N, C-alpha and C. Protein backbone atom coordinates (compact mmCIF):
# COMPACT_ATOMS: atom_id res chain seq x y z
N MET A 1 1.00 -1.23 0.00
CA MET A 1 -0.03 0.06 -0.01
C MET A 1 0.94 1.12 0.20
N GLU A 2 0.62 2.18 -0.56
CA GLU A 2 1.15 3.43 -0.81
C GLU A 2 0.98 4.38 0.47
N LYS A 3 1.77 5.23 0.64
CA LYS A 3 1.51 6.28 1.64
C LYS A 3 0.62 7.42 1.11
N THR A 4 0.44 8.02 0.21
CA THR A 4 -0.08 9.25 -0.43
C THR A 4 -1.18 8.60 -1.54
N TRP A 5 -1.99 9.57 -1.87
CA TRP A 5 -2.78 9.43 -3.07
C TRP A 5 -1.92 9.64 -4.12
N ARG A 6 -0.91 10.44 -4.11
CA ARG A 6 -0.08 10.77 -5.39
C ARG A 6 0.81 9.55 -5.78
N ALA A 7 1.50 8.90 -4.35
CA ALA A 7 2.10 7.82 -4.90
C ALA A 7 1.21 6.73 -5.54
N ALA A 8 0.04 6.54 -4.99
CA ALA A 8 -0.73 5.28 -5.51
C ALA A 8 -1.21 5.68 -6.96
N ILE A 9 -1.38 6.99 -7.30
CA ILE A 9 -1.63 7.48 -8.75
C ILE A 9 -0.66 7.07 -9.69
N THR A 10 0.68 7.67 -9.14
CA THR A 10 1.67 7.44 -10.11
C THR A 10 2.15 5.88 -10.34
N ARG A 11 1.74 5.14 -9.36
CA ARG A 11 2.10 3.36 -9.40
C ARG A 11 0.96 2.94 -10.40
N VAL A 12 -0.42 3.39 -10.55
CA VAL A 12 -1.45 2.90 -11.48
C VAL A 12 -1.21 3.42 -12.84
N LEU A 13 -0.65 4.59 -12.98
CA LEU A 13 -0.30 5.27 -14.34
C LEU A 13 0.74 4.37 -14.92
N LYS A 14 1.94 4.04 -13.93
CA LYS A 14 3.00 3.34 -14.64
C LYS A 14 2.86 2.12 -14.80
N GLU A 15 1.88 1.35 -14.31
CA GLU A 15 1.51 -0.09 -14.58
C GLU A 15 0.41 0.03 -15.66
N SER A 16 -0.11 1.05 -16.12
CA SER A 16 -1.25 0.84 -17.39
C SER A 16 -0.66 0.92 -18.57
N ALA A 17 -1.22 0.37 -19.59
CA ALA A 17 -0.73 0.34 -21.12
C ALA A 17 -1.01 1.79 -21.86
N GLY A 18 -1.74 2.71 -21.18
CA GLY A 18 -2.09 4.02 -21.84
C GLY A 18 -2.93 5.11 -21.01
N ALA A 19 -3.17 6.02 -21.38
CA ALA A 19 -3.94 7.20 -20.56
C ALA A 19 -5.07 6.48 -19.70
N MET A 20 -5.40 6.85 -18.86
CA MET A 20 -6.64 6.38 -18.16
C MET A 20 -7.38 7.62 -17.69
N HIS A 21 -8.75 7.68 -17.22
CA HIS A 21 -9.50 8.70 -16.93
C HIS A 21 -9.54 8.68 -15.12
N TYR A 22 -9.66 9.79 -14.70
CA TYR A 22 -9.29 9.84 -13.21
C TYR A 22 -10.18 9.05 -12.42
N SER A 23 -11.35 8.73 -12.96
CA SER A 23 -12.39 7.66 -12.01
C SER A 23 -11.87 6.29 -12.29
N ASP A 24 -11.28 5.81 -13.32
CA ASP A 24 -10.77 4.84 -13.60
C ASP A 24 -9.33 4.48 -12.86
N ILE A 25 -8.69 5.41 -12.55
CA ILE A 25 -7.41 5.45 -11.61
C ILE A 25 -7.70 5.17 -10.29
N ALA A 26 -8.70 5.97 -9.83
CA ALA A 26 -9.34 5.76 -8.53
C ALA A 26 -9.62 4.45 -8.20
N GLU A 27 -10.57 4.07 -9.26
CA GLU A 27 -11.16 2.56 -9.05
C GLU A 27 -10.03 1.30 -9.06
N GLN A 28 -8.87 1.75 -9.79
CA GLN A 28 -7.74 0.52 -9.79
C GLN A 28 -6.88 0.72 -8.29
N ILE A 29 -6.89 2.19 -8.05
CA ILE A 29 -6.23 2.27 -6.84
C ILE A 29 -6.73 1.53 -5.67
N LEU A 30 -8.32 1.91 -5.36
CA LEU A 30 -9.00 0.86 -4.33
C LEU A 30 -8.99 -0.61 -4.60
N THR A 31 -9.48 -0.79 -5.83
CA THR A 31 -9.43 -2.39 -6.17
C THR A 31 -8.05 -3.14 -5.67
N ASN A 32 -6.89 -2.67 -6.24
CA ASN A 32 -5.75 -3.28 -5.97
C ASN A 32 -5.38 -3.04 -4.44
N GLY A 33 -5.98 -2.16 -3.49
CA GLY A 33 -5.47 -1.71 -2.25
C GLY A 33 -4.17 -0.91 -2.27
N TYR A 34 -3.98 -0.20 -3.06
CA TYR A 34 -2.81 0.79 -3.22
C TYR A 34 -2.85 2.16 -2.40
N TYR A 35 -4.06 2.26 -1.85
CA TYR A 35 -4.43 3.21 -1.08
C TYR A 35 -5.82 2.98 -0.45
N LYS A 36 -5.96 3.13 1.05
CA LYS A 36 -7.01 3.06 1.78
C LYS A 36 -7.77 4.55 2.06
N SER A 37 -8.90 4.61 1.33
CA SER A 37 -9.79 6.06 1.53
C SER A 37 -10.76 5.85 2.41
N LYS A 38 -10.78 7.20 3.16
CA LYS A 38 -11.91 7.21 4.11
C LYS A 38 -12.79 8.19 3.68
N GLY A 39 -12.67 8.65 2.54
CA GLY A 39 -13.31 9.89 2.09
C GLY A 39 -14.48 9.08 1.16
N ALA A 40 -15.56 10.18 0.80
CA ALA A 40 -16.56 9.55 0.11
C ALA A 40 -16.73 9.89 -1.43
N THR A 41 -15.66 10.60 -1.96
CA THR A 41 -15.37 10.84 -3.10
C THR A 41 -13.93 10.68 -3.74
N PRO A 42 -13.55 9.34 -3.83
CA PRO A 42 -11.99 9.21 -4.27
C PRO A 42 -11.54 9.56 -5.43
N ALA A 43 -12.63 9.60 -6.52
CA ALA A 43 -12.56 10.06 -7.82
C ALA A 43 -12.12 11.19 -7.80
N ALA A 44 -12.99 12.21 -6.94
CA ALA A 44 -12.56 13.71 -7.03
C ALA A 44 -11.38 14.19 -6.56
N THR A 45 -10.64 13.26 -5.49
CA THR A 45 -9.37 13.43 -4.96
C THR A 45 -8.22 13.04 -6.11
N VAL A 46 -8.56 12.04 -6.79
CA VAL A 46 -7.64 11.64 -7.62
C VAL A 46 -7.70 12.92 -8.98
N ASN A 47 -8.80 13.23 -9.21
CA ASN A 47 -8.59 14.69 -9.99
C ASN A 47 -7.82 15.58 -9.59
N SER A 48 -8.27 15.96 -8.28
CA SER A 48 -7.59 17.11 -7.43
C SER A 48 -6.12 17.04 -7.55
N GLN A 49 -5.84 15.73 -7.17
CA GLN A 49 -4.11 15.72 -7.37
C GLN A 49 -3.49 15.67 -8.58
N LEU A 50 -4.25 15.20 -9.67
CA LEU A 50 -3.63 15.40 -11.02
C LEU A 50 -3.62 16.79 -11.26
N ALA A 51 -4.62 17.62 -11.09
CA ALA A 51 -4.71 18.99 -11.73
C ALA A 51 -3.63 19.79 -10.83
N SER A 52 -3.60 19.37 -9.71
CA SER A 52 -2.57 20.20 -8.61
C SER A 52 -1.36 19.99 -8.96
N SER A 53 -0.80 18.76 -9.54
CA SER A 53 0.32 18.50 -9.87
C SER A 53 0.85 18.93 -11.00
N ILE A 54 -0.06 18.87 -12.06
CA ILE A 54 0.11 19.34 -13.55
C ILE A 54 0.27 21.15 -13.35
N ASN A 55 -0.73 21.65 -12.62
CA ASN A 55 -0.64 22.98 -12.16
C ASN A 55 0.64 23.59 -11.88
N SER A 56 1.12 22.86 -10.69
CA SER A 56 2.13 23.23 -10.01
C SER A 56 3.68 23.15 -10.54
N GLU A 57 3.66 21.94 -11.39
CA GLU A 57 4.73 21.46 -11.89
C GLU A 57 4.93 21.33 -13.28
N GLY A 58 3.85 21.34 -14.16
CA GLY A 58 3.74 21.26 -15.34
C GLY A 58 4.38 20.16 -15.94
N ALA A 59 5.31 20.43 -17.11
CA ALA A 59 6.02 19.28 -17.53
C ALA A 59 6.70 18.34 -16.79
N MET A 60 7.25 18.98 -15.70
CA MET A 60 8.14 18.38 -14.62
C MET A 60 7.45 17.49 -13.57
N SER A 61 6.05 17.74 -13.67
CA SER A 61 5.28 16.65 -12.84
C SER A 61 5.74 15.12 -12.91
N GLU A 62 5.63 14.60 -11.72
CA GLU A 62 6.04 13.29 -11.76
C GLU A 62 4.86 12.29 -12.27
N VAL A 63 3.57 12.81 -12.27
CA VAL A 63 2.93 12.18 -12.76
C VAL A 63 2.55 12.02 -14.01
N PRO A 64 2.67 10.89 -14.73
CA PRO A 64 3.14 10.64 -15.94
C PRO A 64 1.64 11.16 -16.76
């Protein structure tokens, strides 16, 4: 299990064969047990994490 949403997102994207929708990323994270969510909207959390990473780091974002 990963320690952060961001680490779990990165793991799912690195394991994927291509681009994924944020809701599919959230589903894979929870299904594979990469992160335990206590929140009601994990897909929204993934969307927020992706947007934040891209907005703050641009092309240097570690999120593929």
